[in-house]
Amino acid sequence: MAGTSEPIEIEPSERFLAAAGEWGERRMLDDEEAIRAKAEQALLEIEHLVSGATEVEFDVEDGVVRYEPSEELATFLDEQAALAGIERGLVLELYVNLFSRVFLEE
């Protein structure tokens, strides 16, 4: 099954927003910059694990993250979505929220 690389919109969860807030507070970033930084970290971790990518391009508008996954990631998301019986956008959203606390110092 080949994945189609259509943009996916992600609504950050409370967990994600809390992580972004913590990240931003420690680095004196405003909320938008912090959300962008955490989104980039999470998306890059996911893309790198699946496709080996070392860069990601995405948009954040009105608190919503819009991302067009690589073909490899799109295929992975489609497979995971079929297994779980959910939409691939939700699969990506779950992974982004899971990875949102990566790189926070304890």
N, C-alpha and C. Protein backbone atom coordinates (compact mmCIF):
# COMPACT_ATOMS: atom_id res chain seq x y z
N MET A 1 0.85 -1.18 0.00
CA MET A 1 0.00 0.00 0.00
C MET A 1 0.89 1.24 0.00
N ALA A 2 0.81 2.04 -1.01
CA ALA A 2 1.62 3.26 -1.08
C ALA A 2 0.89 4.40 -0.41
N GLY A 3 1.60 5.13 0.43
CA GLY A 3 1.01 6.26 1.12
C GLY A 3 0.92 7.47 0.21
N THR A 4 -0.15 8.21 0.34
CA THR A 4 -0.26 9.46 -0.39
C THR A 4 0.19 10.57 0.54
N SER A 5 0.92 11.48 0.00
CA SER A 5 1.54 12.52 0.80
C SER A 5 0.67 13.77 0.82
N GLU A 6 -0.51 13.67 1.38
CA GLU A 6 -1.41 14.81 1.51
C GLU A 6 -1.18 15.45 2.88
N PRO A 7 -1.34 16.77 2.96
CA PRO A 7 -1.14 17.44 4.24
C PRO A 7 -2.09 16.92 5.33
N ILE A 8 -1.57 16.88 6.54
CA ILE A 8 -2.35 16.45 7.71
C ILE A 8 -2.37 17.61 8.68
N GLU A 9 -3.54 17.91 9.23
CA GLU A 9 -3.66 18.95 10.24
C GLU A 9 -3.73 18.30 11.61
N ILE A 10 -2.95 18.85 12.54
CA ILE A 10 -2.85 18.30 13.89
C ILE A 10 -3.25 19.37 14.90
N GLU A 11 -4.21 19.02 15.75
CA GLU A 11 -4.60 19.88 16.86
C GLU A 11 -3.74 19.47 18.05
N PRO A 12 -2.83 20.33 18.50
CA PRO A 12 -2.00 19.96 19.65
C PRO A 12 -2.85 19.68 20.89
N SER A 13 -2.47 18.63 21.60
CA SER A 13 -3.17 18.24 22.83
C SER A 13 -2.73 19.12 23.99
N GLU A 14 -3.40 18.96 25.12
CA GLU A 14 -2.99 19.67 26.34
C GLU A 14 -1.57 19.26 26.73
N ARG A 15 -1.24 17.99 26.55
CA ARG A 15 0.11 17.49 26.85
C ARG A 15 1.14 18.22 25.98
N PHE A 16 0.84 18.34 24.70
CA PHE A 16 1.74 19.03 23.78
C PHE A 16 1.88 20.50 24.18
N LEU A 17 0.77 21.17 24.44
CA LEU A 17 0.81 22.58 24.79
C LEU A 17 1.55 22.82 26.10
N ALA A 18 1.39 21.90 27.06
CA ALA A 18 2.13 22.02 28.32
C ALA A 18 3.63 21.87 28.08
N ALA A 19 4.01 20.91 27.23
CA ALA A 19 5.42 20.70 26.91
C ALA A 19 5.98 21.93 26.18
N ALA A 20 5.20 22.48 25.24
CA ALA A 20 5.64 23.67 24.52
C ALA A 20 5.78 24.85 25.49
N GLY A 21 4.85 24.97 26.42
CA GLY A 21 4.92 26.04 27.41
C GLY A 21 6.16 25.93 28.27
N GLU A 22 6.46 24.71 28.71
CA GLU A 22 7.66 24.47 29.52
C GLU A 22 8.91 24.77 28.70
N TRP A 23 8.95 24.31 27.46
CA TRP A 23 10.09 24.55 26.57
C TRP A 23 10.28 26.06 26.37
N GLY A 24 9.19 26.75 26.07
CA GLY A 24 9.25 28.18 25.82
C GLY A 24 9.65 28.98 27.04
N GLU A 25 9.14 28.59 28.19
CA GLU A 25 9.48 29.30 29.43
C GLU A 25 10.97 29.21 29.72
N ARG A 26 11.55 28.04 29.54
CA ARG A 26 12.98 27.85 29.79
C ARG A 26 13.86 28.59 28.79
N ARG A 27 13.32 28.88 27.62
CA ARG A 27 14.11 29.52 26.57
C ARG A 27 13.62 30.92 26.23
N MET A 28 12.70 31.41 27.04
CA MET A 28 12.14 32.75 26.87
C MET A 28 11.56 32.95 25.47
N LEU A 29 10.79 31.98 25.01
CA LEU A 29 10.10 32.04 23.72
C LEU A 29 8.64 32.37 23.95
N ASP A 30 8.02 33.06 23.01
CA ASP A 30 6.58 33.27 23.14
C ASP A 30 5.87 31.96 22.78
N ASP A 31 4.57 31.92 23.03
CA ASP A 31 3.81 30.67 22.84
C ASP A 31 3.91 30.14 21.42
N GLU A 32 3.81 31.01 20.43
CA GLU A 32 3.85 30.57 19.03
C GLU A 32 5.21 29.96 18.68
N GLU A 33 6.28 30.61 19.12
CA GLU A 33 7.63 30.08 18.86
C GLU A 33 7.83 28.74 19.55
N ALA A 34 7.31 28.62 20.77
CA ALA A 34 7.46 27.37 21.52
C ALA A 34 6.68 26.24 20.86
N ILE A 35 5.47 26.52 20.40
CA ILE A 35 4.66 25.50 19.71
C ILE A 35 5.38 25.06 18.44
N ARG A 36 5.93 26.02 17.71
CA ARG A 36 6.65 25.71 16.48
C ARG A 36 7.88 24.85 16.77
N ALA A 37 8.62 25.17 17.83
CA ALA A 37 9.82 24.40 18.19
C ALA A 37 9.46 22.97 18.58
N LYS A 38 8.43 22.80 19.38
CA LYS A 38 8.05 21.45 19.81
C LYS A 38 7.47 20.66 18.64
N ALA A 39 6.71 21.31 17.77
CA ALA A 39 6.17 20.62 16.59
C ALA A 39 7.32 20.14 15.70
N GLU A 40 8.31 21.00 15.51
CA GLU A 40 9.45 20.61 14.68
C GLU A 40 10.18 19.42 15.29
N GLN A 41 10.42 19.46 16.60
CA GLN A 41 11.11 18.36 17.26
C GLN A 41 10.34 17.05 17.11
N ALA A 42 9.04 17.10 17.38
CA ALA A 42 8.23 15.88 17.32
C ALA A 42 8.15 15.33 15.90
N LEU A 43 7.85 16.21 14.94
CA LEU A 43 7.76 15.76 13.55
C LEU A 43 9.08 15.22 13.04
N LEU A 44 10.17 15.87 13.41
CA LEU A 44 11.49 15.42 12.97
C LEU A 44 11.82 14.06 13.57
N GLU A 45 11.50 13.84 14.83
CA GLU A 45 11.74 12.54 15.45
C GLU A 45 10.98 11.44 14.71
N ILE A 46 9.72 11.70 14.42
CA ILE A 46 8.87 10.71 13.75
C ILE A 46 9.38 10.45 12.33
N GLU A 47 9.61 11.52 11.58
CA GLU A 47 10.11 11.37 10.20
C GLU A 47 11.45 10.66 10.18
N HIS A 48 12.33 11.02 11.09
CA HIS A 48 13.66 10.42 11.10
C HIS A 48 13.57 8.92 11.37
N LEU A 49 12.74 8.54 12.32
CA LEU A 49 12.59 7.12 12.65
C LEU A 49 12.05 6.32 11.48
N VAL A 50 11.14 6.90 10.71
CA VAL A 50 10.50 6.17 9.62
C VAL A 50 11.26 6.31 8.30
N SER A 51 11.70 7.51 7.97
CA SER A 51 12.28 7.74 6.64
C SER A 51 13.75 8.13 6.66
N GLY A 52 14.28 8.43 7.84
CA GLY A 52 15.68 8.86 7.92
C GLY A 52 15.86 10.34 7.65
N ALA A 53 14.78 11.09 7.49
CA ALA A 53 14.85 12.52 7.20
C ALA A 53 15.57 13.27 8.32
N THR A 54 16.26 14.33 7.94
CA THR A 54 16.95 15.17 8.92
C THR A 54 16.40 16.59 8.94
N GLU A 55 15.36 16.84 8.14
CA GLU A 55 14.68 18.13 8.10
C GLU A 55 13.20 17.90 7.83
N VAL A 56 12.38 18.80 8.36
CA VAL A 56 10.94 18.77 8.08
C VAL A 56 10.47 20.19 7.80
N GLU A 57 9.47 20.30 6.96
CA GLU A 57 8.84 21.59 6.68
C GLU A 57 7.37 21.45 7.04
N PHE A 58 6.86 22.45 7.76
CA PHE A 58 5.48 22.42 8.23
C PHE A 58 5.02 23.85 8.48
N ASP A 59 3.74 24.02 8.71
CA ASP A 59 3.17 25.33 9.04
C ASP A 59 2.43 25.21 10.36
N VAL A 60 2.40 26.31 11.09
CA VAL A 60 1.57 26.41 12.28
C VAL A 60 0.73 27.66 12.09
N GLU A 61 -0.58 27.48 12.09
CA GLU A 61 -1.48 28.61 11.92
C GLU A 61 -2.64 28.46 12.88
N ASP A 62 -2.86 29.49 13.67
CA ASP A 62 -3.93 29.47 14.68
C ASP A 62 -3.83 28.26 15.59
N GLY A 63 -2.61 27.89 15.94
CA GLY A 63 -2.39 26.78 16.86
C GLY A 63 -2.51 25.41 16.23
N VAL A 64 -2.78 25.33 14.93
CA VAL A 64 -2.92 24.05 14.24
C VAL A 64 -1.65 23.80 13.42
N VAL A 65 -1.10 22.60 13.56
CA VAL A 65 0.10 22.21 12.82
C VAL A 65 -0.34 21.53 11.54
N ARG A 66 0.21 21.97 10.43
CA ARG A 66 -0.11 21.39 9.11
C ARG A 66 1.18 20.81 8.55
N TYR A 67 1.16 19.52 8.25
CA TYR A 67 2.37 18.82 7.82
C TYR A 67 2.08 17.86 6.68
N GLU A 68 2.93 17.87 5.69
CA GLU A 68 2.84 16.92 4.58
C GLU A 68 3.94 15.87 4.77
N PRO A 69 3.57 14.66 5.19
CA PRO A 69 4.58 13.64 5.47
C PRO A 69 5.27 13.15 4.20
N SER A 70 6.48 12.63 4.40
CA SER A 70 7.19 12.00 3.29
C SER A 70 6.37 10.80 2.83
N GLU A 71 6.70 10.28 1.65
CA GLU A 71 6.00 9.10 1.14
C GLU A 71 6.16 7.91 2.10
N GLU A 72 7.36 7.76 2.66
CA GLU A 72 7.59 6.66 3.61
C GLU A 72 6.73 6.80 4.86
N LEU A 73 6.67 8.02 5.39
CA LEU A 73 5.86 8.24 6.59
C LEU A 73 4.37 8.09 6.26
N ALA A 74 3.95 8.58 5.10
CA ALA A 74 2.55 8.44 4.70
C ALA A 74 2.16 6.96 4.63
N THR A 75 3.02 6.13 4.06
CA THR A 75 2.76 4.69 3.99
C THR A 75 2.66 4.10 5.39
N PHE A 76 3.60 4.46 6.26
CA PHE A 76 3.59 3.98 7.64
C PHE A 76 2.30 4.39 8.35
N LEU A 77 1.90 5.65 8.20
CA LEU A 77 0.67 6.13 8.84
C LEU A 77 -0.55 5.40 8.31
N ASP A 78 -0.59 5.16 7.00
CA ASP A 78 -1.71 4.42 6.41
C ASP A 78 -1.79 3.00 6.98
N GLU A 79 -0.63 2.35 7.11
CA GLU A 79 -0.60 0.99 7.67
C GLU A 79 -1.07 0.98 9.12
N GLN A 80 -0.57 1.93 9.92
CA GLN A 80 -0.95 2.00 11.33
C GLN A 80 -2.43 2.34 11.49
N ALA A 81 -2.92 3.22 10.63
CA ALA A 81 -4.33 3.61 10.67
C ALA A 81 -5.22 2.42 10.35
N ALA A 82 -4.83 1.62 9.34
CA ALA A 82 -5.62 0.44 8.98
C ALA A 82 -5.65 -0.57 10.13
N LEU A 83 -4.50 -0.76 10.78
CA LEU A 83 -4.45 -1.69 11.91
C LEU A 83 -5.32 -1.23 13.08
N ALA A 84 -5.33 0.06 13.34
CA ALA A 84 -6.06 0.60 14.49
C ALA A 84 -7.50 0.96 14.16
N GLY A 85 -7.83 1.02 12.87
CA GLY A 85 -9.19 1.40 12.47
C GLY A 85 -9.48 2.87 12.71
N ILE A 86 -8.46 3.70 12.55
CA ILE A 86 -8.61 5.15 12.72
C ILE A 86 -8.00 5.85 11.52
N GLU A 87 -8.19 7.16 11.43
CA GLU A 87 -7.63 7.94 10.33
C GLU A 87 -6.14 8.17 10.53
N ARG A 88 -5.41 8.28 9.42
CA ARG A 88 -3.97 8.45 9.54
C ARG A 88 -3.59 9.77 10.20
N GLY A 89 -4.42 10.79 10.05
CA GLY A 89 -4.15 12.06 10.73
C GLY A 89 -4.15 11.89 12.24
N LEU A 90 -5.04 11.05 12.73
CA LEU A 90 -5.08 10.78 14.17
C LEU A 90 -3.84 10.00 14.60
N VAL A 91 -3.37 9.10 13.76
CA VAL A 91 -2.15 8.35 14.08
C VAL A 91 -0.98 9.34 14.24
N LEU A 92 -0.83 10.25 13.28
CA LEU A 92 0.25 11.23 13.37
C LEU A 92 0.07 12.11 14.59
N GLU A 93 -1.15 12.53 14.85
CA GLU A 93 -1.43 13.37 16.02
C GLU A 93 -1.02 12.65 17.31
N LEU A 94 -1.32 11.37 17.41
CA LEU A 94 -0.94 10.60 18.60
C LEU A 94 0.57 10.53 18.75
N TYR A 95 1.28 10.31 17.65
CA TYR A 95 2.75 10.27 17.71
C TYR A 95 3.32 11.65 18.08
N VAL A 96 2.79 12.70 17.50
CA VAL A 96 3.27 14.05 17.83
C VAL A 96 3.07 14.32 19.31
N ASN A 97 1.92 13.97 19.83
CA ASN A 97 1.67 14.19 21.25
C ASN A 97 2.57 13.31 22.12
N LEU A 98 2.84 12.10 21.68
CA LEU A 98 3.74 11.22 22.42
C LEU A 98 5.15 11.80 22.48
N PHE A 99 5.62 12.32 21.35
CA PHE A 99 6.98 12.86 21.28
C PHE A 99 7.09 14.30 21.80
N SER A 100 6.00 14.89 22.23
CA SER A 100 6.03 16.29 22.63
C SER A 100 6.94 16.57 23.83
N ARG A 101 7.17 15.58 24.66
CA ARG A 101 8.00 15.80 25.84
C ARG A 101 9.46 15.44 25.61
N VAL A 102 9.79 15.04 24.38
CA VAL A 102 11.18 14.76 24.05
C VAL A 102 11.98 16.06 24.16
N PHE A 103 13.17 15.97 24.67
CA PHE A 103 14.12 17.06 24.81
C PHE A 103 13.83 18.00 25.97
N LEU A 104 12.83 17.69 26.79
CA LEU A 104 12.63 18.51 27.99
C LEU A 104 13.56 18.00 29.06
N GLU A 105 14.32 18.90 29.63
CA GLU A 105 15.23 18.48 30.70
C GLU A 105 14.41 18.27 31.96
N GLU A 106 14.78 17.24 32.68
CA GLU A 106 14.09 16.97 33.94
C GLU A 106 14.85 17.59 35.08
